C-alpha atoms as a PDB file:
ATOM      1  CA  MET A   1     161.918 337.316 -17.631  1.00  0.00           C
ATOM      2  CA  ARG A   2     164.118 335.062 -15.661  1.00  0.00           C
ATOM      3  CA  ARG A   3     163.094 332.003 -17.692  1.00  0.00           C
ATOM      4  CA  ALA A   4     163.662 333.823 -21.001  1.00  0.00           C
ATOM      5  CA  LEU A   5     167.295 334.805 -20.020  1.00  0.00           C
ATOM      6  CA  ALA A   6     167.884 331.705 -18.491  1.00  0.00           C
ATOM      7  CA  ALA A   7     166.768 329.468 -21.796  1.00  0.00           C
ATOM      8  CA  LEU A   8     168.511 331.975 -24.222  1.00  0.00           C
ATOM      9  CA  MET A   9     172.027 331.188 -21.800  1.00  0.00           C
ATOM     10  CA  LEU A  10     171.388 327.634 -22.315  1.00  0.00           C
ATOM     11  CA  SER A  11     170.520 328.166 -25.997  1.00  0.00           C
ATOM     12  CA  LEU A  12     173.495 329.955 -26.160  1.00  0.00           C
ATOM     13  CA  THR A  13     175.959 327.690 -24.077  1.00  0.00           C
ATOM     14  CA  LEU A  14     174.732 324.475 -26.461  1.00  0.00           C
ATOM     15  CA  ALA A  15     175.149 326.059 -29.601  1.00  0.00           C
ATOM     16  CA  ALA A  16     178.964 327.278 -28.618  1.00  0.00           C
ATOM     17  CA  CYS A  17     179.291 323.463 -27.107  1.00  0.00           C
ATOM     18  CA  ALA A  18     178.522 322.391 -30.678  1.00  0.00           C
ATOM     19  CA  THR A  19     180.876 324.347 -32.531  1.00  0.00           C
ATOM     20  CA  ARG A  20     184.053 323.330 -30.533  1.00  0.00           C
ATOM     21  CA  PRO A  21     185.089 319.728 -30.908  1.00  0.00           C
ATOM     22  CA  ALA A  22     184.594 317.803 -27.780  1.00  0.00           C
ATOM     23  CA  VAL A  23     188.556 316.333 -28.458  1.00  0.00           C
ATOM     24  CA  PRO A  24     191.392 319.140 -27.643  1.00  0.00           C
ATOM     25  CA  PRO A  25     192.888 320.130 -31.129  1.00  0.00           C
ATOM     26  CA  GLU A  26     196.540 318.626 -30.639  1.00  0.00           C
ATOM     27  CA  GLN A  27     194.760 315.230 -29.890  1.00  0.00           C
ATOM     28  CA  LEU A  28     192.971 315.871 -33.009  1.00  0.00           C
ATOM     29  CA  ARG A  29     195.889 316.394 -34.853  1.00  0.00           C
ATOM     30  CA  GLN A  30     197.525 313.094 -33.403  1.00  0.00           C
ATOM     31  CA  GLN A  31     194.634 311.363 -34.471  1.00  0.00           C
ATOM     32  CA  VAL A  32     195.173 312.274 -38.283  1.00  0.00           C
ATOM     33  CA  MET A  33     198.426 312.046 -38.121  1.00  0.00           C
ATOM     34  CA  ASP A  34     198.034 308.116 -36.808  1.00  0.00           C
ATOM     35  CA  THR A  35     195.375 307.731 -39.376  1.00  0.00           C
ATOM     36  CA  GLU A  36     197.335 308.773 -42.185  1.00  0.00           C
ATOM     37  CA  ARG A  37     200.466 306.646 -40.819  1.00  0.00           C
ATOM     38  CA  ALA A  38     198.084 303.505 -40.645  1.00  0.00           C
ATOM     39  CA  PHE A  39     196.720 304.276 -44.337  1.00  0.00           C
ATOM     40  CA  ALA A  40     200.336 304.321 -45.668  1.00  0.00           C
ATOM     41  CA  ARG A  41     200.947 300.889 -43.577  1.00  0.00           C
ATOM     42  CA  THR A  42     198.287 299.434 -46.101  1.00  0.00           C
ATOM     43  CA  MET A  43     200.779 299.852 -48.841  1.00  0.00           C
ATOM     44  CA  ALA A  44     203.913 298.285 -46.841  1.00  0.00           C
ATOM     45  CA  GLN A  45     201.871 295.527 -45.778  1.00  0.00           C
ATOM     46  CA  ARG A  46     200.135 295.117 -48.875  1.00  0.00           C
ATOM     47  CA  ASP A  47     196.765 294.956 -47.574  1.00  0.00           C
ATOM     48  CA  HIS A  48     194.150 296.686 -50.197  1.00  0.00           C
ATOM     49  CA  ALA A  49     191.210 295.611 -48.216  1.00  0.00           C
ATOM     50  CA  ALA A  50     192.409 298.085 -45.358  1.00  0.00           C
ATOM     51  CA  PHE A  51     193.681 300.523 -47.955  1.00  0.00           C
ATOM     52  CA  VAL A  52     189.642 300.564 -48.945  1.00  0.00           C
ATOM     53  CA  SER A  53     188.732 300.926 -45.553  1.00  0.00           C
ATOM     54  CA  PHE A  54     190.191 304.343 -44.794  1.00  0.00           C
ATOM     55  CA  LEU A  55     187.953 305.870 -47.804  1.00  0.00           C
ATOM     56  CA  ALA A  56     184.812 307.736 -47.521  1.00  0.00           C
ATOM     57  CA  GLU A  57     182.039 306.515 -49.815  1.00  0.00           C
ATOM     58  CA  GLU A  58     181.513 309.810 -51.482  1.00  0.00           C
ATOM     59  CA  THR A  59     185.739 309.735 -51.658  1.00  0.00           C
ATOM     60  CA  ILE A  60     187.035 311.903 -54.763  1.00  0.00           C
ATOM     61  CA  TRP A  61     190.725 311.290 -56.168  1.00  0.00           C
ATOM     62  CA  PHE A  62     192.689 313.002 -58.870  1.00  0.00           C
ATOM     63  CA  ALA A  63     194.532 310.861 -60.890  1.00  0.00           C
ATOM     64  CA  PRO A  64     196.798 312.728 -64.035  1.00  0.00           C
ATOM     65  CA  ASP A  65     194.314 311.611 -66.521  1.00  0.00           C
ATOM     66  CA  ARG A  66     191.215 311.253 -64.582  1.00  0.00           C
ATOM     67  CA  THR A  67     189.269 311.617 -61.653  1.00  0.00           C
ATOM     68  CA  LEU A  68     188.021 308.879 -59.611  1.00  0.00           C
ATOM     69  CA  ARG A  69     184.734 309.498 -57.579  1.00  0.00           C
ATOM     70  CA  GLY A  70     183.745 307.140 -54.959  1.00  0.00           C
ATOM     71  CA  LYS A  71     185.096 304.446 -52.705  1.00  0.00           C
ATOM     72  CA  GLN A  72     184.522 301.193 -55.369  1.00  0.00           C
ATOM     73  CA  ALA A  73     186.546 303.232 -58.343  1.00  0.00           C
ATOM     74  CA  VAL A  74     189.039 304.248 -55.993  1.00  0.00           C
ATOM     75  CA  ALA A  75     189.526 300.973 -54.924  1.00  0.00           C
ATOM     76  CA  GLU A  76     189.307 299.637 -58.449  1.00  0.00           C
ATOM     77  CA  ALA A  77     192.143 301.830 -59.749  1.00  0.00           C
ATOM     78  CA  TRP A  78     194.546 301.211 -56.730  1.00  0.00           C
ATOM     79  CA  GLN A  79     194.246 297.166 -57.194  1.00  0.00           C
ATOM     80  CA  PRO A  80     196.894 297.155 -59.008  1.00  0.00           C
ATOM     81  CA  PHE A  81     199.328 298.850 -56.627  1.00  0.00           C
ATOM     82  CA  TYR A  82     198.811 296.070 -54.328  1.00  0.00           C
ATOM     83  CA  ASP A  83     199.003 292.998 -56.598  1.00  0.00           C
ATOM     84  CA  LYS A  84     202.839 292.720 -56.779  1.00  0.00           C
ATOM     85  CA  PRO A  85     204.721 291.168 -53.266  1.00  0.00           C
ATOM     86  CA  GLU A  86     207.162 294.631 -53.191  1.00  0.00           C
ATOM     87  CA  ALA A  87     205.141 297.862 -52.984  1.00  0.00           C
ATOM     88  CA  PRO A  88     205.812 300.401 -55.663  1.00  0.00           C
ATOM     89  CA  PHE A  89     205.966 303.191 -53.373  1.00  0.00           C
ATOM     90  CA  SER A  90     205.540 304.473 -49.926  1.00  0.00           C
ATOM     91  CA  TRP A  91     204.306 307.865 -48.270  1.00  0.00           C
ATOM     92  CA  GLU A  92     204.342 309.500 -45.067  1.00  0.00           C
ATOM     93  CA  PRO A  93     202.758 312.922 -43.687  1.00  0.00           C
ATOM     94  CA  THR A  94     204.777 316.021 -42.689  1.00  0.00           C
ATOM     95  CA  VAL A  95     202.162 318.256 -42.452  1.00  0.00           C
ATOM     96  CA  VAL A  96     198.782 317.671 -40.131  1.00  0.00           C
ATOM     97  CA  GLU A  97     196.208 320.573 -39.934  1.00  0.00           C
ATOM     98  CA  VAL A  98     192.586 320.141 -38.283  1.00  0.00           C
ATOM     99  CA  LEU A  99     189.920 322.622 -38.576  1.00  0.00           C
ATOM    100  CA  ASP A 100     188.704 324.215 -35.230  1.00  0.00           C
ATOM    101  CA  SER A 101     185.578 322.360 -35.639  1.00  0.00           C
ATOM    102  CA  GLY A 102     187.222 318.948 -35.711  1.00  0.00           C
ATOM    103  CA  THR A 103     185.252 317.877 -38.443  1.00  0.00           C
ATOM    104  CA  LEU A 104     187.862 318.285 -41.507  1.00  0.00           C
ATOM    105  CA  ALA A 105     191.607 317.474 -41.772  1.00  0.00           C
ATOM    106  CA  LEU A 106     194.617 317.893 -44.233  1.00  0.00           C
ATOM    107  CA  THR A 107     197.444 315.986 -44.570  1.00  0.00           C
ATOM    108  CA  HIS A 108     200.572 316.602 -46.927  1.00  0.00           C
ATOM    109  CA  GLY A 109     203.733 314.680 -47.371  1.00  0.00           C
ATOM    110  CA  PRO A 110     206.442 313.168 -49.747  1.00  0.00           C
ATOM    111  CA  VAL A 111     205.753 310.293 -51.822  1.00  0.00           C
ATOM    112  CA  ARG A 112     208.945 307.622 -52.251  1.00  0.00           C
ATOM    113  CA  ASN A 113     210.177 304.911 -54.677  1.00  0.00           C
ATOM    114  CA  PRO A 114     211.257 301.696 -52.889  1.00  0.00           C
ATOM    115  CA  ALA A 115     214.551 303.181 -53.197  1.00  0.00           C
ATOM    116  CA  GLY A 116     213.787 306.321 -50.904  1.00  0.00           C
ATOM    117  CA  GLU A 117     213.924 308.636 -53.569  1.00  0.00           C
ATOM    118  CA  GLN A 118     210.926 311.400 -53.290  1.00  0.00           C
ATOM    119  CA  VAL A 119     209.076 311.172 -56.445  1.00  0.00           C
ATOM    120  CA  ALA A 120     205.879 313.003 -55.693  1.00  0.00           C
ATOM    121  CA  THR A 121     203.790 314.455 -53.207  1.00  0.00           C
ATOM    122  CA  PHE A 122     200.281 313.826 -51.834  1.00  0.00           C
ATOM    123  CA  THR A 123     197.656 316.065 -50.273  1.00  0.00           C
ATOM    124  CA  SER A 124     194.740 314.338 -48.302  1.00  0.00           C
ATOM    125  CA  ILE A 125     191.576 315.688 -46.876  1.00  0.00           C
ATOM    126  CA  TRP A 126     190.059 313.811 -44.296  1.00  0.00           C
ATOM    127  CA  ARG A 127     186.733 313.829 -42.752  1.00  0.00           C
ATOM    128  CA  GLN A 128     185.875 312.567 -39.253  1.00  0.00           C
ATOM    129  CA  GLU A 129     182.746 310.365 -39.643  1.00  0.00           C
ATOM    130  CA  ALA A 130     182.679 309.227 -36.540  1.00  0.00           C
ATOM    131  CA  PRO A 131     184.565 310.099 -32.948  1.00  0.00           C
ATOM    132  CA  GLY A 132     188.239 309.188 -33.355  1.00  0.00           C
ATOM    133  CA  VAL A 133     187.044 307.586 -37.119  1.00  0.00           C
ATOM    134  CA  TRP A 134     188.590 309.765 -40.090  1.00  0.00           C
ATOM    135  CA  ARG A 135     188.293 308.902 -43.596  1.00  0.00           C
ATOM    136  CA  ILE A 136     189.795 310.493 -46.727  1.00  0.00           C
ATOM    137  CA  VAL A 137     187.202 312.423 -49.075  1.00  0.00           C
ATOM    138  CA  PHE A 138     189.541 314.088 -51.385  1.00  0.00           C
ATOM    139  CA  ASP A 139     192.721 313.011 -52.494  1.00  0.00           C
ATOM    140  CA  ARG A 140     195.288 314.690 -55.001  1.00  0.00           C
ATOM    141  CA  GLY A 141     199.345 313.191 -55.930  1.00  0.00           C
ATOM    142  CA  CYS A 142     201.885 315.668 -57.788  1.00  0.00           C
ATOM    143  CA  GLY A 143     204.661 314.724 -59.706  1.00  0.00           C
ATOM    144  CA  HIS A 144     208.001 315.858 -57.849  1.00  0.00           C
ATOM    145  CA  CYS A 145     210.799 318.615 -59.325  1.00  0.00           C
ATOM    146  CA  PRO A 146     213.580 318.822 -56.690  1.00  0.00           C
ATOM    147  CA  PRO A 147     215.564 322.126 -56.413  1.00  0.00           C
ATOM    148  CA  LYS A 148     217.768 323.180 -59.364  1.00  0.00           C
ATOM    149  CA  ARG A 149     221.609 323.101 -58.095  1.00  0.00           C
END
């Protein structure tokens, strides 16, 4: 009976540990914030290869006229944004939330034109693929409508 109870306690402890991230939630949130900012720097630094490195293999991006499925499709569609010497836009996260499991995160924030005016917003879903390694699995941009005065 004691062995059965000990085995049950061990399995419950292991199950509880498996559902909690090893990294504290605030640290996970900061990882995702830092990752999103590094991702945005790829545009400012005109580094398309670095941009592609943040994409999950099975990523899905919602474009205004179609859905882009897979890393290669997104990489090809976004290449023109990196071709010119000046970045056509920039973005930054203002909202970052991470699931309690530490496996998925959401980022959201403004997209700005070169003059600094907000022209859109973005929402991205990130998946932790290895400890501290986050890649985008879903992304959607939306036009920005400023409030009426």
